[in-house]
All heavy atoms as atom14 arrays in JSON, in Angstrom:
{
  "sequence": "NIWFTIIARDHSRIESILGEIRDKLALAAPDVLNLPATQIFKLDARFN",
  "atom14_mask": [
    [1, 1, 1, 1, 1, 1, 1, 1, 0, 0, 0, 0, 0, 0],
    [1, 1, 1, 1, 1, 1, 1, 1, 0, 0, 0, 0, 0, 0],
    [1, 1, 1, 1, 1, 1, 1, 1, 1, 1, 1, 1, 1, 1],
    [1, 1, 1, 1, 1, 1, 1, 1, 1, 1, 1, 0, 0, 0],
    [1, 1, 1, 1, 1, 1, 1, 0, 0, 0, 0, 0, 0, 0],
    [1, 1, 1, 1, 1, 1, 1, 1, 0, 0, 0, 0, 0, 0],
    [1, 1, 1, 1, 1, 1, 1, 1, 0, 0, 0, 0, 0, 0],
    [1, 1, 1, 1, 1, 0, 0, 0, 0, 0, 0, 0, 0, 0],
    [1, 1, 1, 1, 1, 1, 1, 1, 1, 1, 1, 0, 0, 0],
    [1, 1, 1, 1, 1, 1, 1, 1, 0, 0, 0, 0, 0, 0],
    [1, 1, 1, 1, 1, 1, 1, 1, 1, 1, 0, 0, 0, 0],
    [1, 1, 1, 1, 1, 1, 0, 0, 0, 0, 0, 0, 0, 0],
    [1, 1, 1, 1, 1, 1, 1, 1, 1, 1, 1, 0, 0, 0],
    [1, 1, 1, 1, 1, 1, 1, 1, 0, 0, 0, 0, 0, 0],
    [1, 1, 1, 1, 1, 1, 1, 1, 1, 0, 0, 0, 0, 0],
    [1, 1, 1, 1, 1, 1, 0, 0, 0, 0, 0, 0, 0, 0],
    [1, 1, 1, 1, 1, 1, 1, 1, 0, 0, 0, 0, 0, 0],
    [1, 1, 1, 1, 1, 1, 1, 1, 0, 0, 0, 0, 0, 0],
    [1, 1, 1, 1, 0, 0, 0, 0, 0, 0, 0, 0, 0, 0],
    [1, 1, 1, 1, 1, 1, 1, 1, 1, 0, 0, 0, 0, 0],
    [1, 1, 1, 1, 1, 1, 1, 1, 0, 0, 0, 0, 0, 0],
    [1, 1, 1, 1, 1, 1, 1, 1, 1, 1, 1, 0, 0, 0],
    [1, 1, 1, 1, 1, 1, 1, 1, 0, 0, 0, 0, 0, 0],
    [1, 1, 1, 1, 1, 1, 1, 1, 1, 0, 0, 0, 0, 0],
    [1, 1, 1, 1, 1, 1, 1, 1, 0, 0, 0, 0, 0, 0],
    [1, 1, 1, 1, 1, 0, 0, 0, 0, 0, 0, 0, 0, 0],
    [1, 1, 1, 1, 1, 1, 1, 1, 0, 0, 0, 0, 0, 0],
    [1, 1, 1, 1, 1, 0, 0, 0, 0, 0, 0, 0, 0, 0],
    [1, 1, 1, 1, 1, 0, 0, 0, 0, 0, 0, 0, 0, 0],
    [1, 1, 1, 1, 1, 1, 1, 0, 0, 0, 0, 0, 0, 0],
    [1, 1, 1, 1, 1, 1, 1, 1, 0, 0, 0, 0, 0, 0],
    [1, 1, 1, 1, 1, 1, 1, 0, 0, 0, 0, 0, 0, 0],
    [1, 1, 1, 1, 1, 1, 1, 1, 0, 0, 0, 0, 0, 0],
    [1, 1, 1, 1, 1, 1, 1, 1, 0, 0, 0, 0, 0, 0],
    [1, 1, 1, 1, 1, 1, 1, 1, 0, 0, 0, 0, 0, 0],
    [1, 1, 1, 1, 1, 1, 1, 0, 0, 0, 0, 0, 0, 0],
    [1, 1, 1, 1, 1, 0, 0, 0, 0, 0, 0, 0, 0, 0],
    [1, 1, 1, 1, 1, 1, 1, 0, 0, 0, 0, 0, 0, 0],
    [1, 1, 1, 1, 1, 1, 1, 1, 1, 0, 0, 0, 0, 0],
    [1, 1, 1, 1, 1, 1, 1, 1, 0, 0, 0, 0, 0, 0],
    [1, 1, 1, 1, 1, 1, 1, 1, 1, 1, 1, 0, 0, 0],
    [1, 1, 1, 1, 1, 1, 1, 1, 1, 0, 0, 0, 0, 0],
    [1, 1, 1, 1, 1, 1, 1, 1, 0, 0, 0, 0, 0, 0],
    [1, 1, 1, 1, 1, 1, 1, 1, 0, 0, 0, 0, 0, 0],
    [1, 1, 1, 1, 1, 0, 0, 0, 0, 0, 0, 0, 0, 0],
    [1, 1, 1, 1, 1, 1, 1, 1, 1, 1, 1, 0, 0, 0],
    [1, 1, 1, 1, 1, 1, 1, 1, 1, 1, 1, 0, 0, 0],
    [1, 1, 1, 1, 1, 1, 1, 1, 0, 0, 0, 0, 0, 0]
  ],
  "atom14_positions": [
    [[-59.1, 86.93, -23.03], [-59.86, 86.44, -24.26], [-60.56, 87.48, -25.06], [-60.96, 87.13, -26.2], [-60.73, 85.33, -23.89], [-61.69, 85.57, -22.74], [-61.53, 86.51, -21.98], [-62.54, 84.65, -22.41], [0.0, 0.0, 0.0], [0.0, 0.0, 0.0], [0.0, 0.0, 0.0], [0.0, 0.0, 0.0], [0.0, 0.0, 0.0], [0.0, 0.0, 0.0]],
    [[-60.77, 88.71, -24.64], [-61.3, 89.71, -25.44], [-60.36, 90.91, -25.42], [-59.94, 91.39, -24.39], [-62.72, 90.16, -24.89], [-63.66, 88.97, -24.91], [-63.24, 91.33, -25.75], [-65.02, 89.27, -24.37], [0.0, 0.0, 0.0], [0.0, 0.0, 0.0], [0.0, 0.0, 0.0], [0.0, 0.0, 0.0], [0.0, 0.0, 0.0], [0.0, 0.0, 0.0]],
    [[-59.98, 91.35, -26.67], [-58.99, 92.38, -26.92], [-59.73, 93.48, -27.65], [-60.59, 93.19, -28.52], [-57.77, 91.93, -27.68], [-56.97, 90.97, -26.87], [-57.32, 89.72, -26.44], [-55.65, 91.19, -26.38], [-56.27, 89.19, -25.73], [-55.27, 90.05, -25.69], [-54.77, 92.24, -26.44], [-54.07, 89.93, -25.04], [-53.54, 92.18, -25.82], [-53.19, 91.0, -25.09]],
    [[-59.44, 94.71, -27.39], [-60.02, 95.84, -28.05], [-59.22, 97.08, -28.01], [-58.3, 97.23, -27.18], [-61.44, 96.13, -27.44], [-61.53, 96.32, -25.97], [-61.6, 97.57, -25.39], [-61.4, 95.25, -25.11], [-61.6, 97.79, -24.0], [-61.52, 95.43, -23.68], [-61.55, 96.72, -23.19], [0.0, 0.0, 0.0], [0.0, 0.0, 0.0], [0.0, 0.0, 0.0]],
    [[-59.46, 98.06, -28.84], [-58.73, 99.28, -28.91], [-59.73, 100.42, -28.56], [-60.88, 100.34, -28.91], [-58.1, 99.51, -30.26], [-59.08, 99.51, -31.27], [-56.99, 98.53, -30.59], [0.0, 0.0, 0.0], [0.0, 0.0, 0.0], [0.0, 0.0, 0.0], [0.0, 0.0, 0.0], [0.0, 0.0, 0.0], [0.0, 0.0, 0.0], [0.0, 0.0, 0.0]],
    [[-59.09, 101.43, -27.88], [-59.94, 102.57, -27.51], [-59.2, 103.85, -28.02], [-57.99, 103.95, -27.79], [-60.08, 102.63, -25.96], [-60.73, 101.4, -25.44], [-60.81, 103.97, -25.56], [-60.76, 101.38, -23.81], [0.0, 0.0, 0.0], [0.0, 0.0, 0.0], [0.0, 0.0, 0.0], [0.0, 0.0, 0.0], [0.0, 0.0, 0.0], [0.0, 0.0, 0.0]],
    [[-59.97, 104.71, -28.58], [-59.42, 106.08, -28.95], [-60.36, 107.04, -28.27], [-61.56, 107.05, -28.61], [-59.39, 106.33, -30.49], [-58.4, 105.31, -31.13], [-58.94, 107.66, -30.81], [-58.36, 105.43, -32.63], [0.0, 0.0, 0.0], [0.0, 0.0, 0.0], [0.0, 0.0, 0.0], [0.0, 0.0, 0.0], [0.0, 0.0, 0.0], [0.0, 0.0, 0.0]],
    [[-59.83, 107.87, -27.36], [-60.65, 108.77, -26.57], [-59.97, 110.17, -26.47], [-58.82, 110.32, -26.91], [-60.87, 108.17, -25.15], [0.0, 0.0, 0.0], [0.0, 0.0, 0.0], [0.0, 0.0, 0.0], [0.0, 0.0, 0.0], [0.0, 0.0, 0.0], [0.0, 0.0, 0.0], [0.0, 0.0, 0.0], [0.0, 0.0, 0.0], [0.0, 0.0, 0.0]],
    [[-60.71, 111.11, -25.91], [-60.16, 112.47, -25.89], [-58.94, 112.62, -25.01], [-58.13, 113.48, -25.22], [-61.29, 113.44, -25.33], [-61.72, 113.17, -23.93], [-62.89, 114.16, -23.58], [-63.31, 113.81, -22.22], [-64.41, 113.04, -22.03], [-65.16, 112.6, -22.91], [-64.71, 112.82, -20.71], [0.0, 0.0, 0.0], [0.0, 0.0, 0.0], [0.0, 0.0, 0.0]],
    [[-58.83, 111.66, -23.99], [-57.58, 111.76, -23.18], [-57.44, 110.43, -22.38], [-58.36, 109.61, -22.37], [-57.65, 112.96, -22.24], [-58.9, 113.06, -21.4], [-59.46, 112.04, -20.94], [-59.39, 114.18, -21.1], [0.0, 0.0, 0.0], [0.0, 0.0, 0.0], [0.0, 0.0, 0.0], [0.0, 0.0, 0.0], [0.0, 0.0, 0.0], [0.0, 0.0, 0.0]],
    [[-56.34, 110.35, -21.68], [-56.09, 109.06, -20.89], [-57.16, 108.91, -19.77], [-57.46, 107.79, -19.38], [-54.68, 109.1, -20.37], [-53.61, 109.01, -21.4], [-53.42, 107.83, -22.06], [-52.7, 109.89, -21.91], [-52.43, 107.92, -22.97], [-52.03, 109.19, -22.84], [0.0, 0.0, 0.0], [0.0, 0.0, 0.0], [0.0, 0.0, 0.0], [0.0, 0.0, 0.0]],
    [[-57.57, 110.08, -19.2], [-58.54, 109.99, -18.18], [-59.87, 109.27, -18.71], [-60.41, 108.45, -17.98], [-58.87, 111.41, -17.61], [-59.88, 111.31, -16.69], [0.0, 0.0, 0.0], [0.0, 0.0, 0.0], [0.0, 0.0, 0.0], [0.0, 0.0, 0.0], [0.0, 0.0, 0.0], [0.0, 0.0, 0.0], [0.0, 0.0, 0.0], [0.0, 0.0, 0.0]],
    [[-60.24, 109.6, -19.87], [-61.45, 108.98, -20.43], [-61.26, 107.53, -20.66], [-62.17, 106.72, -20.39], [-61.84, 109.68, -21.79], [-63.1, 109.05, -22.42], [-64.35, 109.09, -21.58], [-65.44, 108.48, -22.25], [-66.38, 107.74, -21.68], [-66.48, 107.67, -20.36], [-67.39, 107.18, -22.37], [0.0, 0.0, 0.0], [0.0, 0.0, 0.0], [0.0, 0.0, 0.0]],
    [[-60.06, 107.14, -21.09], [-59.77, 105.68, -21.3], [-59.9, 104.94, -19.97], [-60.5, 103.95, -19.87], [-58.34, 105.53, -21.95], [-58.37, 105.98, -23.4], [-57.85, 104.06, -21.82], [-56.97, 106.0, -24.02], [0.0, 0.0, 0.0], [0.0, 0.0, 0.0], [0.0, 0.0, 0.0], [0.0, 0.0, 0.0], [0.0, 0.0, 0.0], [0.0, 0.0, 0.0]],
    [[-59.26, 105.49, -18.9], [-59.39, 104.89, -17.6], [-60.81, 104.81, -17.11], [-61.19, 103.82, -16.48], [-58.54, 105.67, -16.56], [-56.99, 105.49, -16.8], [-56.59, 104.06, -16.58], [-57.17, 103.29, -15.81], [-55.51, 103.7, -17.15], [0.0, 0.0, 0.0], [0.0, 0.0, 0.0], [0.0, 0.0, 0.0], [0.0, 0.0, 0.0], [0.0, 0.0, 0.0]],
    [[-61.64, 105.77, -17.44], [-62.97, 105.76, -17.03], [-63.8, 104.69, -17.82], [-64.57, 103.96, -17.12], [-63.65, 107.14, -17.4], [-65.01, 107.2, -17.08], [0.0, 0.0, 0.0], [0.0, 0.0, 0.0], [0.0, 0.0, 0.0], [0.0, 0.0, 0.0], [0.0, 0.0, 0.0], [0.0, 0.0, 0.0], [0.0, 0.0, 0.0], [0.0, 0.0, 0.0]],
    [[-63.49, 104.49, -19.06], [-64.15, 103.48, -19.84], [-63.76, 102.09, -19.28], [-64.66, 101.26, -19.06], [-63.81, 103.6, -21.34], [-64.41, 104.82, -21.89], [-64.22, 102.32, -22.11], [-63.97, 105.19, -23.32], [0.0, 0.0, 0.0], [0.0, 0.0, 0.0], [0.0, 0.0, 0.0], [0.0, 0.0, 0.0], [0.0, 0.0, 0.0], [0.0, 0.0, 0.0]],
    [[-62.51, 101.92, -19.0], [-62.03, 100.56, -18.52], [-62.71, 100.27, -17.14], [-63.03, 99.18, -16.78], [-60.51, 100.55, -18.54], [-59.81, 100.53, -19.88], [-58.32, 100.61, -19.71], [-60.29, 99.38, -20.68], [0.0, 0.0, 0.0], [0.0, 0.0, 0.0], [0.0, 0.0, 0.0], [0.0, 0.0, 0.0], [0.0, 0.0, 0.0], [0.0, 0.0, 0.0]],
    [[-62.72, 101.37, -16.34], [-63.39, 101.21, -14.96], [-64.89, 100.85, -15.13], [-65.32, 99.97, -14.36], [0.0, 0.0, 0.0], [0.0, 0.0, 0.0], [0.0, 0.0, 0.0], [0.0, 0.0, 0.0], [0.0, 0.0, 0.0], [0.0, 0.0, 0.0], [0.0, 0.0, 0.0], [0.0, 0.0, 0.0], [0.0, 0.0, 0.0], [0.0, 0.0, 0.0]],
    [[-65.55, 101.47, -16.04], [-66.98, 101.16, -16.27], [-67.14, 99.71, -16.68], [-68.08, 99.07, -16.34], [-67.6, 102.15, -17.24], [-67.73, 103.54, -16.79], [-68.13, 104.51, -17.8], [-68.63, 104.1, -18.9], [-67.97, 105.77, -17.63], [0.0, 0.0, 0.0], [0.0, 0.0, 0.0], [0.0, 0.0, 0.0], [0.0, 0.0, 0.0], [0.0, 0.0, 0.0]],
    [[-66.29, 99.35, -17.64], [-66.36, 97.93, -18.14], [-66.08, 96.94, -16.96], [-66.84, 95.95, -16.8], [-65.33, 97.69, -19.35], [-65.88, 98.51, -20.57], [-65.2, 96.25, -19.69], [-64.84, 98.61, -21.64], [0.0, 0.0, 0.0], [0.0, 0.0, 0.0], [0.0, 0.0, 0.0], [0.0, 0.0, 0.0], [0.0, 0.0, 0.0], [0.0, 0.0, 0.0]],
    [[-65.06, 97.28, -16.16], [-64.79, 96.39, -15.01], [-65.99, 96.3, -14.11], [-66.34, 95.23, -13.69], [-63.52, 96.94, -14.34], [-63.07, 96.05, -13.24], [-61.75, 96.58, -12.6], [-61.76, 97.96, -12.2], [-61.15, 98.91, -12.84], [-60.31, 98.7, -13.81], [-61.26, 100.21, -12.38], [0.0, 0.0, 0.0], [0.0, 0.0, 0.0], [0.0, 0.0, 0.0]],
    [[-66.64, 97.41, -13.81], [-67.82, 97.42, -12.88], [-68.98, 96.73, -13.47], [-69.62, 95.87, -12.83], [-68.17, 98.85, -12.58], [-67.11, 99.55, -11.77], [-66.24, 98.88, -11.13], [-67.21, 100.84, -11.58], [0.0, 0.0, 0.0], [0.0, 0.0, 0.0], [0.0, 0.0, 0.0], [0.0, 0.0, 0.0], [0.0, 0.0, 0.0], [0.0, 0.0, 0.0]],
    [[-69.3, 96.95, -14.84], [-70.44, 96.39, -15.46], [-70.33, 94.85, -15.49], [-71.34, 94.17, -15.49], [-70.66, 96.97, -16.81], [-71.19, 98.42, -16.79], [-71.28, 99.0, -18.22], [-71.76, 100.42, -18.14], [-71.85, 101.07, -19.43], [0.0, 0.0, 0.0], [0.0, 0.0, 0.0], [0.0, 0.0, 0.0], [0.0, 0.0, 0.0], [0.0, 0.0, 0.0]],
    [[-69.09, 94.41, -15.65], [-68.89, 92.93, -15.85], [-68.39, 92.28, -14.52], [-68.12, 91.08, -14.45], [-67.81, 92.68, -16.95], [-68.23, 93.19, -18.35], [-67.06, 92.93, -19.32], [-69.45, 92.4, -18.79], [0.0, 0.0, 0.0], [0.0, 0.0, 0.0], [0.0, 0.0, 0.0], [0.0, 0.0, 0.0], [0.0, 0.0, 0.0], [0.0, 0.0, 0.0]],
    [[-68.41, 93.05, -13.49], [-67.93, 92.58, -12.07], [-66.62, 91.84, -12.14], [-66.35, 90.78, -11.64], [-69.03, 91.69, -11.48], [0.0, 0.0, 0.0], [0.0, 0.0, 0.0], [0.0, 0.0, 0.0], [0.0, 0.0, 0.0], [0.0, 0.0, 0.0], [0.0, 0.0, 0.0], [0.0, 0.0, 0.0], [0.0, 0.0, 0.0], [0.0, 0.0, 0.0]],
    [[-65.69, 92.57, -12.81], [-64.3, 92.02, -12.88], [-63.38, 92.6, -11.84], [-63.5, 93.71, -11.43], [-63.72, 92.28, -14.3], [-64.48, 91.75, -15.56], [-63.9, 92.29, -16.81], [-64.53, 90.22, -15.46], [0.0, 0.0, 0.0], [0.0, 0.0, 0.0], [0.0, 0.0, 0.0], [0.0, 0.0, 0.0], [0.0, 0.0, 0.0], [0.0, 0.0, 0.0]],
    [[-62.38, 91.85, -11.5], [-61.36, 92.29, -10.6], [-60.35, 93.18, -11.4], [-60.25, 92.95, -12.67], [-60.63, 91.15, -9.87], [0.0, 0.0, 0.0], [0.0, 0.0, 0.0], [0.0, 0.0, 0.0], [0.0, 0.0, 0.0], [0.0, 0.0, 0.0], [0.0, 0.0, 0.0], [0.0, 0.0, 0.0], [0.0, 0.0, 0.0], [0.0, 0.0, 0.0]],
    [[-59.65, 94.06, -10.72], [-58.69, 94.91, -11.42], [-57.69, 94.15, -12.34], [-57.39, 94.54, -13.43], [-57.88, 95.74, -10.47], [0.0, 0.0, 0.0], [0.0, 0.0, 0.0], [0.0, 0.0, 0.0], [0.0, 0.0, 0.0], [0.0, 0.0, 0.0], [0.0, 0.0, 0.0], [0.0, 0.0, 0.0], [0.0, 0.0, 0.0], [0.0, 0.0, 0.0]],
    [[-57.16, 93.02, -11.92], [-56.18, 92.22, -12.74], [-56.79, 91.56, -13.94], [-56.11, 91.14, -14.82], [-55.65, 91.18, -11.76], [-55.95, 91.6, -10.39], [-57.17, 92.38, -10.47], [0.0, 0.0, 0.0], [0.0, 0.0, 0.0], [0.0, 0.0, 0.0], [0.0, 0.0, 0.0], [0.0, 0.0, 0.0], [0.0, 0.0, 0.0], [0.0, 0.0, 0.0]],
    [[-58.22, 91.59, -13.99], [-58.83, 91.04, -15.18], [-58.94, 91.99, -16.39], [-59.46, 91.63, -17.4], [-60.19, 90.53, -14.8], [-60.19, 89.35, -13.84], [-59.17, 88.59, -13.93], [-61.08, 89.2, -13.01], [0.0, 0.0, 0.0], [0.0, 0.0, 0.0], [0.0, 0.0, 0.0], [0.0, 0.0, 0.0], [0.0, 0.0, 0.0], [0.0, 0.0, 0.0]],
    [[-58.46, 93.23, -16.12], [-58.63, 94.22, -17.22], [-57.22, 94.85, -17.4], [-56.58, 95.32, -16.48], [-59.56, 95.44, -16.8], [-59.62, 96.44, -17.89], [-60.97, 94.78, -16.46], [0.0, 0.0, 0.0], [0.0, 0.0, 0.0], [0.0, 0.0, 0.0], [0.0, 0.0, 0.0], [0.0, 0.0, 0.0], [0.0, 0.0, 0.0], [0.0, 0.0, 0.0]],
    [[-56.73, 94.71, -18.66], [-55.41, 95.21, -18.99], [-55.58, 96.5, -19.86], [-56.29, 96.57, -20.74], [-54.55, 94.26, -19.82], [-54.29, 92.93, -19.14], [-53.46, 92.02, -20.09], [-53.52, 93.16, -17.83], [0.0, 0.0, 0.0], [0.0, 0.0, 0.0], [0.0, 0.0, 0.0], [0.0, 0.0, 0.0], [0.0, 0.0, 0.0], [0.0, 0.0, 0.0]],
    [[-54.72, 97.49, -19.51], [-54.57, 98.72, -20.32], [-53.15, 98.69, -20.87], [-52.2, 98.79, -20.05], [-54.84, 99.97, -19.43], [-54.71, 101.23, -20.18], [-54.46, 101.27, -21.41], [-54.85, 102.36, -19.49], [0.0, 0.0, 0.0], [0.0, 0.0, 0.0], [0.0, 0.0, 0.0], [0.0, 0.0, 0.0], [0.0, 0.0, 0.0], [0.0, 0.0, 0.0]],
    [[-52.99, 98.58, -22.16], [-51.67, 98.35, -22.76], [-51.39, 99.47, -23.77], [-51.31, 99.27, -25.05], [-51.67, 96.96, -23.51], [-52.01, 95.76, -22.61], [-52.3, 94.63, -23.4], [-50.82, 95.51, -21.66], [0.0, 0.0, 0.0], [0.0, 0.0, 0.0], [0.0, 0.0, 0.0], [0.0, 0.0, 0.0], [0.0, 0.0, 0.0], [0.0, 0.0, 0.0]],
    [[-51.16, 100.72, -23.35], [-50.88, 101.8, -24.28], [-49.52, 101.53, -25.0], [-48.62, 100.95, -24.44], [-50.77, 103.04, -23.37], [-50.47, 102.54, -22.02], [-51.11, 101.17, -21.95], [0.0, 0.0, 0.0], [0.0, 0.0, 0.0], [0.0, 0.0, 0.0], [0.0, 0.0, 0.0], [0.0, 0.0, 0.0], [0.0, 0.0, 0.0], [0.0, 0.0, 0.0]],
    [[-49.43, 102.04, -26.2], [-48.17, 101.82, -26.97], [-47.04, 102.66, -26.41], [-47.28, 103.8, -25.9], [-48.46, 102.32, -28.42], [0.0, 0.0, 0.0], [0.0, 0.0, 0.0], [0.0, 0.0, 0.0], [0.0, 0.0, 0.0], [0.0, 0.0, 0.0], [0.0, 0.0, 0.0], [0.0, 0.0, 0.0], [0.0, 0.0, 0.0], [0.0, 0.0, 0.0]],
    [[-45.91, 102.02, -26.38], [-44.74, 102.79, -25.88], [-43.86, 103.18, -27.07], [-43.03, 104.08, -27.0], [-43.82, 101.88, -24.98], [-43.51, 100.72, -25.59], [-44.65, 101.58, -23.67], [0.0, 0.0, 0.0], [0.0, 0.0, 0.0], [0.0, 0.0, 0.0], [0.0, 0.0, 0.0], [0.0, 0.0, 0.0], [0.0, 0.0, 0.0], [0.0, 0.0, 0.0]],
    [[-44.11, 102.55, -28.24], [-43.38, 102.97, -29.53], [-44.35, 102.58, -30.59], [-45.01, 101.56, -30.62], [-42.05, 102.16, -29.54], [-41.2, 102.69, -30.68], [-39.74, 102.08, -30.62], [-39.54, 101.26, -29.77], [-38.97, 102.5, -31.45], [0.0, 0.0, 0.0], [0.0, 0.0, 0.0], [0.0, 0.0, 0.0], [0.0, 0.0, 0.0], [0.0, 0.0, 0.0]],
    [[-44.39, 103.47, -31.6], [-45.26, 103.25, -32.72], [-44.4, 102.92, -33.98], [-43.43, 103.52, -34.29], [-46.11, 104.53, -33.05], [-46.88, 104.99, -31.82], [-47.0, 104.35, -34.27], [-47.91, 104.07, -31.41], [0.0, 0.0, 0.0], [0.0, 0.0, 0.0], [0.0, 0.0, 0.0], [0.0, 0.0, 0.0], [0.0, 0.0, 0.0], [0.0, 0.0, 0.0]],
    [[-44.85, 101.88, -34.68], [-44.24, 101.53, -35.98], [-45.25, 101.66, -37.07], [-46.36, 101.14, -36.92], [-43.69, 100.12, -35.93], [-42.66, 99.88, -34.89], [-42.98, 99.49, -33.64], [-41.32, 100.1, -35.2], [-41.96, 99.27, -32.67], [-40.31, 99.87, -34.31], [-40.68, 99.48, -33.04], [0.0, 0.0, 0.0], [0.0, 0.0, 0.0], [0.0, 0.0, 0.0]],
    [[-44.99, 102.31, -38.15], [-45.92, 102.44, -39.25], [-45.32, 101.84, -40.48], [-44.08, 101.99, -40.77], [-46.18, 103.93, -39.57], [-46.96, 104.62, -38.46], [-48.34, 104.15, -38.42], [-49.15, 104.93, -37.36], [-50.53, 104.53, -37.35], [0.0, 0.0, 0.0], [0.0, 0.0, 0.0], [0.0, 0.0, 0.0], [0.0, 0.0, 0.0], [0.0, 0.0, 0.0]],
    [[-46.11, 101.07, -41.17], [-45.59, 100.48, -42.42], [-46.06, 101.27, -43.58], [-47.12, 101.94, -43.58], [-46.25, 99.06, -42.56], [-45.89, 98.05, -41.49], [-46.64, 96.73, -41.79], [-44.41, 97.79, -41.51], [0.0, 0.0, 0.0], [0.0, 0.0, 0.0], [0.0, 0.0, 0.0], [0.0, 0.0, 0.0], [0.0, 0.0, 0.0], [0.0, 0.0, 0.0]],
    [[-45.22, 101.45, -44.57], [-45.54, 102.13, -45.75], [-45.68, 101.16, -46.89], [-44.67, 100.75, -47.57], [-44.41, 103.16, -46.12], [-44.75, 103.99, -47.29], [-45.88, 103.97, -47.76], [-43.77, 104.7, -47.79], [0.0, 0.0, 0.0], [0.0, 0.0, 0.0], [0.0, 0.0, 0.0], [0.0, 0.0, 0.0], [0.0, 0.0, 0.0], [0.0, 0.0, 0.0]],
    [[-46.91, 100.63, -47.03], [-47.11, 99.59, -48.05], [-47.64, 100.25, -49.31], [-48.52, 101.09, -49.31], [-48.19, 98.61, -47.52], [0.0, 0.0, 0.0], [0.0, 0.0, 0.0], [0.0, 0.0, 0.0], [0.0, 0.0, 0.0], [0.0, 0.0, 0.0], [0.0, 0.0, 0.0], [0.0, 0.0, 0.0], [0.0, 0.0, 0.0], [0.0, 0.0, 0.0]],
    [[-47.01, 99.88, -50.38], [-47.4, 100.4, -51.68], [-47.62, 99.28, -52.61], [-46.87, 98.34, -52.64], [-46.38, 101.38, -52.23], [-46.2, 102.61, -51.37], [-44.98, 103.45, -51.82], [-44.68, 104.45, -50.8], [-44.84, 105.71, -51.0], [-45.24, 106.15, -52.11], [-44.47, 106.49, -50.01], [0.0, 0.0, 0.0], [0.0, 0.0, 0.0], [0.0, 0.0, 0.0]],
    [[-48.7, 99.28, -53.38], [-49.0, 98.22, -54.2], [-48.89, 98.67, -55.74], [-49.41, 99.72, -56.12], [-50.49, 97.75, -54.01], [-50.69, 97.31, -52.52], [-51.17, 98.21, -51.61], [-50.36, 96.04, -52.1], [-51.39, 97.78, -50.28], [-50.52, 95.62, -50.84], [-51.06, 96.47, -49.91], [0.0, 0.0, 0.0], [0.0, 0.0, 0.0], [0.0, 0.0, 0.0]],
    [[-48.31, 97.82, -56.48], [-48.22, 98.03, -57.93], [-49.27, 97.24, -58.58], [-49.09, 95.94, -58.74], [-46.83, 97.71, -58.47], [-45.76, 98.61, -58.0], [-46.02, 99.91, -57.88], [-44.6, 98.14, -57.65], [0.0, 0.0, 0.0], [0.0, 0.0, 0.0], [0.0, 0.0, 0.0], [0.0, 0.0, 0.0], [0.0, 0.0, 0.0], [0.0, 0.0, 0.0]]
  ]
}
């Protein structure tokens, strides 16, 4: 029910943040998802 994006110096820092969140909220490992992009799509929107 809560989704968020993380931009960090490296994947290790992302894992650290997610682990800290899991610990602070007393969540089980399956309650926290890490969903890195496997393919990026960019839109080129231009407005007249």
